[in-house]
Amino acid sequence: DAALSIAALKTWAKEELQRRAGARVFFVSVGSTRGTPLEAYTVHVPGDLEVGYKRLPVRILKIWHYFSEDRSCDWVMKADSDTYVNLRAVSDRLQCFDSAEEHFFGAVHAIVPPRHLREMWSALYFAHGGSGYMVSRGLLPKIRASAPACLEDMLEMTSGDAMEDVIFALCLQRQLDIQVKSYGFLKPVTHRLWDPAAEPELATQEIVVNFHQARDELLDRRRGPGEPLQRFMHW
């Protein structure tokens, strides 16, 4: 969505914020963005086609195959155009990890089989695509090598009609034995009856790096520095 991409470029992806975070933001597009604010930030992936949401995994695997050839970045993150990314928070948090190692990070979700099938099939953990997920420089060569096989397997199993975030996680799990990990929590809350008043430090321990979807509060409305959101937003 060009309008959302331009909104991102005017807010969280502003050139000044990119420089402060040591980040580079690009928008993958099939069509031309010549003459628009996106022109200098657009990447055209060879062979990329508009396939519609249902077959988005086809595009995503090709895009990862393309970007994994570049070793100039320590981390590569994929996010939707309607996601608000706190670039500085992401950059600061990733300083805690060695990009030369093999890491796959994201907001972890799970697909859990029906109870009667759980002995045969375990839960599949994946990084929520809307919230954005990332891989380290150390993992990129293996992703580039495995992406074509993942694409072939996915087309055989689903004809391309699948959830892109699940397919990417499944690719890394089956081909590389790599599992997604959460990078946003310092200490897990392990009991359901946790009382925020008794342990206030746990209420604020999450490293907030993005919001999805961010159309209303963060992309469309200008707020002053430090001005609180008018309503809660959840990943």
C-alpha atoms as a PDB file:
ATOM      1  CA  ASP A   1       0.000   0.000   0.000  1.00  0.00           C
ATOM      2  CA  ALA A   2       1.779   3.126  -1.234  1.00  0.00           C
ATOM      3  CA  ALA A   3      -0.196   5.449   1.043  1.00  0.00           C
ATOM      4  CA  LEU A   4       0.797   3.494   4.145  1.00  0.00           C
ATOM      5  CA  SER A   5       4.414   3.311   2.999  1.00  0.00           C
ATOM      6  CA  ILE A   6       4.514   7.086   2.530  1.00  0.00           C
ATOM      7  CA  ALA A   7       2.925   7.515   5.969  1.00  0.00           C
ATOM      8  CA  ALA A   8       5.657   5.313   7.448  1.00  0.00           C
ATOM      9  CA  LEU A   9       8.318   7.335   5.673  1.00  0.00           C
ATOM     10  CA  LYS A  10       6.903  10.515   7.211  1.00  0.00           C
ATOM     11  CA  THR A  11       6.761   9.065  10.730  1.00  0.00           C
ATOM     12  CA  TRP A  12       8.848   6.217  12.135  1.00  0.00           C
ATOM     13  CA  ALA A  13      10.966   5.740   8.977  1.00  0.00           C
ATOM     14  CA  LYS A  14      12.040   9.367   8.601  1.00  0.00           C
ATOM     15  CA  GLU A  15      15.628   9.750   7.399  1.00  0.00           C
ATOM     16  CA  GLU A  16      16.654  11.383  10.671  1.00  0.00           C
ATOM     17  CA  LEU A  17      15.288   8.471  12.715  1.00  0.00           C
ATOM     18  CA  GLN A  18      16.986   5.969  10.435  1.00  0.00           C
ATOM     19  CA  ARG A  19      20.339   7.685  10.994  1.00  0.00           C
ATOM     20  CA  ARG A  20      19.890   7.810  14.769  1.00  0.00           C
ATOM     21  CA  ALA A  21      19.157   4.091  14.877  1.00  0.00           C
ATOM     22  CA  GLY A  22      21.839   3.118  12.385  1.00  0.00           C
ATOM     23  CA  ALA A  23      19.132   1.576  10.225  1.00  0.00           C
ATOM     24  CA  ARG A  24      18.154   1.583   6.569  1.00  0.00           C
ATOM     25  CA  VAL A  25      14.487   1.241   5.615  1.00  0.00           C
ATOM     26  CA  PHE A  26      13.360   0.025   2.209  1.00  0.00           C
ATOM     27  CA  PHE A  27       9.945  -0.678   0.727  1.00  0.00           C
ATOM     28  CA  VAL A  28       9.592  -3.636  -1.631  1.00  0.00           C
ATOM     29  CA  SER A  29       7.380  -2.755  -4.582  1.00  0.00           C
ATOM     30  CA  VAL A  30       6.342  -4.412  -7.810  1.00  0.00           C
ATOM     31  CA  GLY A  31       5.219  -1.173  -9.440  1.00  0.00           C
ATOM     32  CA  SER A  32       7.227   1.949 -10.131  1.00  0.00           C
ATOM     33  CA  THR A  33       7.520   4.612  -7.422  1.00  0.00           C
ATOM     34  CA  ARG A  34       9.329   7.095  -9.661  1.00  0.00           C
ATOM     35  CA  GLY A  35       8.434  10.670  -8.851  1.00  0.00           C
ATOM     36  CA  THR A  36       7.071   9.807  -5.395  1.00  0.00           C
ATOM     37  CA  PRO A  37       8.657  10.190  -1.936  1.00  0.00           C
ATOM     38  CA  LEU A  38       9.275   6.430  -1.990  1.00  0.00           C
ATOM     39  CA  GLU A  39      11.547   6.462  -5.039  1.00  0.00           C
ATOM     40  CA  ALA A  40      14.851   6.571  -3.123  1.00  0.00           C
ATOM     41  CA  TYR A  41      13.664   3.911  -0.672  1.00  0.00           C
ATOM     42  CA  THR A  42      12.178   1.373  -3.084  1.00  0.00           C
ATOM     43  CA  VAL A  43      13.619  -2.038  -3.859  1.00  0.00           C
ATOM     44  CA  HIS A  44      12.447  -4.069  -6.849  1.00  0.00           C
ATOM     45  CA  VAL A  45      13.106  -7.788  -6.369  1.00  0.00           C
ATOM     46  CA  PRO A  46      13.792  -9.663  -9.625  1.00  0.00           C
ATOM     47  CA  GLY A  47      10.864 -11.906 -10.523  1.00  0.00           C
ATOM     48  CA  ASP A  48       8.591 -10.306  -7.921  1.00  0.00           C
ATOM     49  CA  LEU A  49       4.890 -10.252  -8.830  1.00  0.00           C
ATOM     50  CA  GLU A  50       1.677  -9.085  -7.201  1.00  0.00           C
ATOM     51  CA  VAL A  51       0.071 -12.333  -6.086  1.00  0.00           C
ATOM     52  CA  GLY A  52      -2.557 -11.195  -3.585  1.00  0.00           C
ATOM     53  CA  TYR A  53      -2.664 -11.799   0.151  1.00  0.00           C
ATOM     54  CA  LYS A  54      -3.526 -15.504  -0.083  1.00  0.00           C
ATOM     55  CA  ARG A  55      -0.312 -16.320  -1.915  1.00  0.00           C
ATOM     56  CA  LEU A  56       1.925 -13.871  -0.100  1.00  0.00           C
ATOM     57  CA  PRO A  57       4.361 -16.661   0.969  1.00  0.00           C
ATOM     58  CA  VAL A  58       5.510 -16.889  -2.658  1.00  0.00           C
ATOM     59  CA  ARG A  59       6.621 -13.256  -2.565  1.00  0.00           C
ATOM     60  CA  ILE A  60       8.080 -13.430   0.942  1.00  0.00           C
ATOM     61  CA  LEU A  61      10.353 -16.388   0.214  1.00  0.00           C
ATOM     62  CA  LYS A  62      11.613 -14.704  -2.961  1.00  0.00           C
ATOM     63  CA  ILE A  63      12.199 -11.469  -1.062  1.00  0.00           C
ATOM     64  CA  TRP A  64      14.162 -13.240   1.674  1.00  0.00           C
ATOM     65  CA  HIS A  65      16.211 -15.043  -0.948  1.00  0.00           C
ATOM     66  CA  TYR A  66      17.048 -11.657  -2.470  1.00  0.00           C
ATOM     67  CA  PHE A  67      17.875  -9.789   0.729  1.00  0.00           C
ATOM     68  CA  SER A  68      19.884 -12.641   2.229  1.00  0.00           C
ATOM     69  CA  GLU A  69      22.526 -12.074  -0.438  1.00  0.00           C
ATOM     70  CA  ASP A  70      23.451  -8.747   1.192  1.00  0.00           C
ATOM     71  CA  ARG A  71      25.875  -9.093   4.122  1.00  0.00           C
ATOM     72  CA  SER A  72      26.310  -5.370   4.784  1.00  0.00           C
ATOM     73  CA  CYS A  73      23.670  -5.293   7.547  1.00  0.00           C
ATOM     74  CA  ASP A  74      23.948  -7.014  10.907  1.00  0.00           C
ATOM     75  CA  TRP A  75      20.199  -7.672  10.971  1.00  0.00           C
ATOM     76  CA  VAL A  76      17.413  -7.816   8.379  1.00  0.00           C
ATOM     77  CA  MET A  77      13.854  -7.171   9.532  1.00  0.00           C
ATOM     78  CA  LYS A  78      10.623  -7.625   7.593  1.00  0.00           C
ATOM     79  CA  ALA A  79       7.549  -5.646   8.654  1.00  0.00           C
ATOM     80  CA  ASP A  80       4.207  -4.728   7.102  1.00  0.00           C
ATOM     81  CA  SER A  81       3.589  -1.226   5.800  1.00  0.00           C
ATOM     82  CA  ASP A  82       0.943  -0.656   8.484  1.00  0.00           C
ATOM     83  CA  THR A  83       3.344  -1.493  11.304  1.00  0.00           C
ATOM     84  CA  TYR A  84       4.918   1.230  13.428  1.00  0.00           C
ATOM     85  CA  VAL A  85       8.545   0.291  14.146  1.00  0.00           C
ATOM     86  CA  ASN A  86      10.506   2.020  16.892  1.00  0.00           C
ATOM     87  CA  LEU A  87      13.838   1.878  15.063  1.00  0.00           C
ATOM     88  CA  ARG A  88      15.917   3.053  17.990  1.00  0.00           C
ATOM     89  CA  ALA A  89      14.317   0.559  20.376  1.00  0.00           C
ATOM     90  CA  VAL A  90      14.917  -2.265  17.901  1.00  0.00           C
ATOM     91  CA  SER A  91      18.529  -1.198  17.407  1.00  0.00           C
ATOM     92  CA  ASP A  92      19.198  -0.873  21.145  1.00  0.00           C
ATOM     93  CA  ARG A  93      17.632  -4.249  21.908  1.00  0.00           C
ATOM     94  CA  LEU A  94      19.610  -6.032  19.197  1.00  0.00           C
ATOM     95  CA  GLN A  95      22.835  -4.773  20.727  1.00  0.00           C
ATOM     96  CA  CYS A  96      22.274  -7.515  23.318  1.00  0.00           C
ATOM     97  CA  PHE A  97      22.880 -10.211  20.698  1.00  0.00           C
ATOM     98  CA  ASP A  98      25.734 -11.231  18.421  1.00  0.00           C
ATOM     99  CA  SER A  99      24.655 -10.808  14.800  1.00  0.00           C
ATOM    100  CA  ALA A 100      27.376 -13.216  13.671  1.00  0.00           C
ATOM    101  CA  GLU A 101      25.442 -16.000  15.391  1.00  0.00           C
ATOM    102  CA  GLU A 102      22.267 -17.554  13.962  1.00  0.00           C
ATOM    103  CA  HIS A 103      19.186 -15.789  15.325  1.00  0.00           C
ATOM    104  CA  PHE A 104      15.531 -15.657  14.260  1.00  0.00           C
ATOM    105  CA  PHE A 105      13.561 -13.182  16.393  1.00  0.00           C
ATOM    106  CA  GLY A 106       9.987 -11.979  16.539  1.00  0.00           C
ATOM    107  CA  ALA A 107       6.763 -11.681  18.495  1.00  0.00           C
ATOM    108  CA  VAL A 108       6.183 -15.393  19.042  1.00  0.00           C
ATOM    109  CA  HIS A 109       2.780 -16.903  18.270  1.00  0.00           C
ATOM    110  CA  ALA A 110       1.797 -20.557  18.008  1.00  0.00           C
ATOM    111  CA  ILE A 111      -0.434 -22.867  16.008  1.00  0.00           C
ATOM    112  CA  VAL A 112      -1.627 -25.641  18.301  1.00  0.00           C
ATOM    113  CA  PRO A 113      -3.114 -28.848  16.808  1.00  0.00           C
ATOM    114  CA  PRO A 114      -6.439 -30.237  18.086  1.00  0.00           C
ATOM    115  CA  ARG A 115      -6.068 -32.207  21.301  1.00  0.00           C
ATOM    116  CA  HIS A 116      -6.460 -35.597  19.593  1.00  0.00           C
ATOM    117  CA  LEU A 117      -3.558 -34.852  17.231  1.00  0.00           C
ATOM    118  CA  ARG A 118      -1.054 -33.433  19.706  1.00  0.00           C
ATOM    119  CA  GLU A 119       0.780 -36.731  20.185  1.00  0.00           C
ATOM    120  CA  MET A 120       1.534 -36.793  16.450  1.00  0.00           C
ATOM    121  CA  TRP A 121       1.994 -33.076  15.810  1.00  0.00           C
ATOM    122  CA  SER A 122       3.577 -30.586  18.151  1.00  0.00           C
ATOM    123  CA  ALA A 123       2.744 -26.893  18.288  1.00  0.00           C
ATOM    124  CA  LEU A 124       4.372 -24.731  15.608  1.00  0.00           C
ATOM    125  CA  TYR A 125       5.864 -21.511  16.910  1.00  0.00           C
ATOM    126  CA  PHE A 126       6.237 -18.646  14.459  1.00  0.00           C
ATOM    127  CA  ALA A 127       7.030 -14.928  14.444  1.00  0.00           C
ATOM    128  CA  HIS A 128       3.945 -12.789  13.845  1.00  0.00           C
ATOM    129  CA  GLY A 129       4.379 -11.248  10.408  1.00  0.00           C
ATOM    130  CA  GLY A 130       2.483  -8.055  11.092  1.00  0.00           C
ATOM    131  CA  SER A 131       4.591  -7.248  14.134  1.00  0.00           C
ATOM    132  CA  GLY A 132       7.752  -7.811  12.137  1.00  0.00           C
ATOM    133  CA  TYR A 133      10.449 -10.454  12.440  1.00  0.00           C
ATOM    134  CA  MET A 134      14.171 -10.450  11.815  1.00  0.00           C
ATOM    135  CA  VAL A 135      17.193 -12.635  11.229  1.00  0.00           C
ATOM    136  CA  SER A 136      20.857 -12.103  11.959  1.00  0.00           C
ATOM    137  CA  ARG A 137      23.675 -11.718   9.461  1.00  0.00           C
ATOM    138  CA  GLY A 138      25.010 -15.107  10.554  1.00  0.00           C
ATOM    139  CA  LEU A 139      21.807 -16.824   9.424  1.00  0.00           C
ATOM    140  CA  LEU A 140      21.421 -15.084   6.057  1.00  0.00           C
ATOM    141  CA  PRO A 141      23.629 -17.437   3.971  1.00  0.00           C
ATOM    142  CA  LYS A 142      21.616 -20.452   5.102  1.00  0.00           C
ATOM    143  CA  ILE A 143      18.327 -18.694   4.346  1.00  0.00           C
ATOM    144  CA  ARG A 144      19.519 -17.869   0.848  1.00  0.00           C
ATOM    145  CA  ALA A 145      20.516 -21.489   0.275  1.00  0.00           C
ATOM    146  CA  SER A 146      17.276 -22.951   1.648  1.00  0.00           C
ATOM    147  CA  ALA A 147      14.690 -20.464   0.276  1.00  0.00           C
ATOM    148  CA  PRO A 148      14.284 -22.152  -3.148  1.00  0.00           C
ATOM    149  CA  ALA A 149      13.665 -25.553  -1.537  1.00  0.00           C
ATOM    150  CA  CYS A 150      11.214 -23.964   0.903  1.00  0.00           C
ATOM    151  CA  LEU A 151       9.358 -22.329  -1.966  1.00  0.00           C
ATOM    152  CA  GLU A 152       9.114 -25.627  -3.829  1.00  0.00           C
ATOM    153  CA  ASP A 153       7.874 -27.477  -0.736  1.00  0.00           C
ATOM    154  CA  MET A 154       5.350 -24.772   0.069  1.00  0.00           C
ATOM    155  CA  LEU A 155       3.925 -24.728  -3.459  1.00  0.00           C
ATOM    156  CA  GLU A 156       3.599 -28.512  -3.378  1.00  0.00           C
ATOM    157  CA  MET A 157       1.821 -28.507  -0.005  1.00  0.00           C
ATOM    158  CA  THR A 158      -0.398 -25.440  -0.318  1.00  0.00           C
ATOM    159  CA  SER A 159      -0.186 -24.114  -3.899  1.00  0.00           C
ATOM    160  CA  GLY A 160       1.014 -20.919  -2.272  1.00  0.00           C
ATOM    161  CA  ASP A 161      -2.188 -20.367  -0.278  1.00  0.00           C
ATOM    162  CA  ALA A 162      -0.844 -20.052   3.266  1.00  0.00           C
ATOM    163  CA  MET A 163       0.193 -17.610   5.978  1.00  0.00           C
ATOM    164  CA  GLU A 164       3.579 -16.126   5.099  1.00  0.00           C
ATOM    165  CA  ASP A 165       4.841 -15.864   8.683  1.00  0.00           C
ATOM    166  CA  VAL A 166       3.973 -19.495   9.391  1.00  0.00           C
ATOM    167  CA  ILE A 167       5.592 -20.675   6.154  1.00  0.00           C
ATOM    168  CA  PHE A 168       8.808 -18.753   6.870  1.00  0.00           C
ATOM    169  CA  ALA A 169       9.031 -20.206  10.383  1.00  0.00           C
ATOM    170  CA  LEU A 170       8.292 -23.689   9.037  1.00  0.00           C
ATOM    171  CA  CYS A 171      11.009 -23.232   6.418  1.00  0.00           C
ATOM    172  CA  LEU A 172      13.645 -22.361   8.999  1.00  0.00           C
ATOM    173  CA  GLN A 173      12.487 -25.152  11.301  1.00  0.00           C
ATOM    174  CA  ARG A 174      12.426 -27.927   8.705  1.00  0.00           C
ATOM    175  CA  GLN A 175      15.383 -26.906   6.572  1.00  0.00           C
ATOM    176  CA  LEU A 176      17.712 -25.401   9.177  1.00  0.00           C
ATOM    177  CA  ASP A 177      16.440 -26.607  12.578  1.00  0.00           C
ATOM    178  CA  ILE A 178      16.100 -22.961  13.633  1.00  0.00           C
ATOM    179  CA  GLN A 179      13.307 -21.939  16.010  1.00  0.00           C
ATOM    180  CA  VAL A 180      11.949 -18.435  16.501  1.00  0.00           C
ATOM    181  CA  LYS A 181      12.767 -16.701  19.768  1.00  0.00           C
ATOM    182  CA  SER A 182      11.181 -13.710  21.472  1.00  0.00           C
ATOM    183  CA  TYR A 183      13.542 -10.782  21.943  1.00  0.00           C
ATOM    184  CA  GLY A 184      11.162  -8.451  23.763  1.00  0.00           C
ATOM    185  CA  PHE A 185      10.911  -9.815  27.291  1.00  0.00           C
ATOM    186  CA  LEU A 186      13.485  -9.728  30.060  1.00  0.00           C
ATOM    187  CA  LYS A 187      11.653 -11.964  32.540  1.00  0.00           C
ATOM    188  CA  PRO A 188       8.673 -14.199  31.754  1.00  0.00           C
ATOM    189  CA  VAL A 189       5.407 -13.953  33.646  1.00  0.00           C
ATOM    190  CA  THR A 190       4.792 -17.615  34.423  1.00  0.00           C
ATOM    191  CA  HIS A 191       1.564 -17.543  36.447  1.00  0.00           C
ATOM    192  CA  ARG A 192      -1.890 -16.553  35.251  1.00  0.00           C
ATOM    193  CA  LEU A 193      -2.853 -14.818  38.514  1.00  0.00           C
ATOM    194  CA  TRP A 194       0.011 -12.322  38.320  1.00  0.00           C
ATOM    195  CA  ASP A 195      -0.775  -9.079  40.155  1.00  0.00           C
ATOM    196  CA  PRO A 196       0.653  -5.986  38.377  1.00  0.00           C
ATOM    197  CA  ALA A 197       0.392  -3.948  41.592  1.00  0.00           C
ATOM    198  CA  ALA A 198       2.518  -6.451  43.517  1.00  0.00           C
ATOM    199  CA  GLU A 199       5.198  -6.680  40.812  1.00  0.00           C
ATOM    200  CA  PRO A 200       5.082  -3.384  38.891  1.00  0.00           C
ATOM    201  CA  GLU A 201       8.486  -3.966  37.300  1.00  0.00           C
ATOM    202  CA  LEU A 202       6.992  -6.814  35.256  1.00  0.00           C
ATOM    203  CA  ALA A 203       4.260  -4.529  33.928  1.00  0.00           C
ATOM    204  CA  THR A 204       6.815  -2.374  32.146  1.00  0.00           C
ATOM    205  CA  GLN A 205       9.478  -4.915  31.316  1.00  0.00           C
ATOM    206  CA  GLU A 206       8.480  -5.521  27.703  1.00  0.00           C
ATOM    207  CA  ILE A 207      10.767  -3.865  25.168  1.00  0.00           C
ATOM    208  CA  VAL A 208       8.223  -2.119  22.935  1.00  0.00           C
ATOM    209  CA  VAL A 209       9.637  -2.032  19.430  1.00  0.00           C
ATOM    210  CA  ASN A 210       6.564  -1.865  17.220  1.00  0.00           C
ATOM    211  CA  PHE A 211       2.799  -1.678  16.975  1.00  0.00           C
ATOM    212  CA  HIS A 212       0.533  -3.485  14.520  1.00  0.00           C
ATOM    213  CA  GLN A 213      -1.781  -2.282  13.141  1.00  0.00           C
ATOM    214  CA  ALA A 214      -0.776   1.313  13.551  1.00  0.00           C
ATOM    215  CA  ARG A 215      -3.075   3.172  11.181  1.00  0.00           C
ATOM    216  CA  ASP A 216      -4.911   5.473  13.599  1.00  0.00           C
ATOM    217  CA  GLU A 217      -2.719   6.450  16.501  1.00  0.00           C
ATOM    218  CA  LEU A 218       0.777   6.299  15.091  1.00  0.00           C
ATOM    219  CA  LEU A 219       0.696   6.715  11.340  1.00  0.00           C
ATOM    220  CA  ASP A 220      -2.199   9.086  10.761  1.00  0.00           C
ATOM    221  CA  ARG A 221      -2.060  11.372  13.802  1.00  0.00           C
ATOM    222  CA  ARG A 222       0.771  13.698  14.741  1.00  0.00           C
ATOM    223  CA  ARG A 223       1.732  13.658  18.404  1.00  0.00           C
ATOM    224  CA  GLY A 224       4.292  15.694  20.244  1.00  0.00           C
ATOM    225  CA  PRO A 225       7.369  14.017  21.782  1.00  0.00           C
ATOM    226  CA  GLY A 226       6.374  12.139  24.907  1.00  0.00           C
ATOM    227  CA  GLU A 227       2.646  12.668  24.391  1.00  0.00           C
ATOM    228  CA  PRO A 228       0.844   9.476  25.461  1.00  0.00           C
ATOM    229  CA  LEU A 229      -1.398   7.438  23.212  1.00  0.00           C
ATOM    230  CA  GLN A 230      -5.101   8.109  23.619  1.00  0.00           C
ATOM    231  CA  ARG A 231      -5.935   4.409  23.819  1.00  0.00           C
ATOM    232  CA  PHE A 232      -4.137   1.158  24.379  1.00  0.00           C
ATOM    233  CA  MET A 233      -2.721  -0.675  21.384  1.00  0.00           C
ATOM    234  CA  HIS A 234      -1.779  -4.329  21.398  1.00  0.00           C
ATOM    235  CA  TRP A 235       0.513  -6.496  19.305  1.00  0.00           C
END
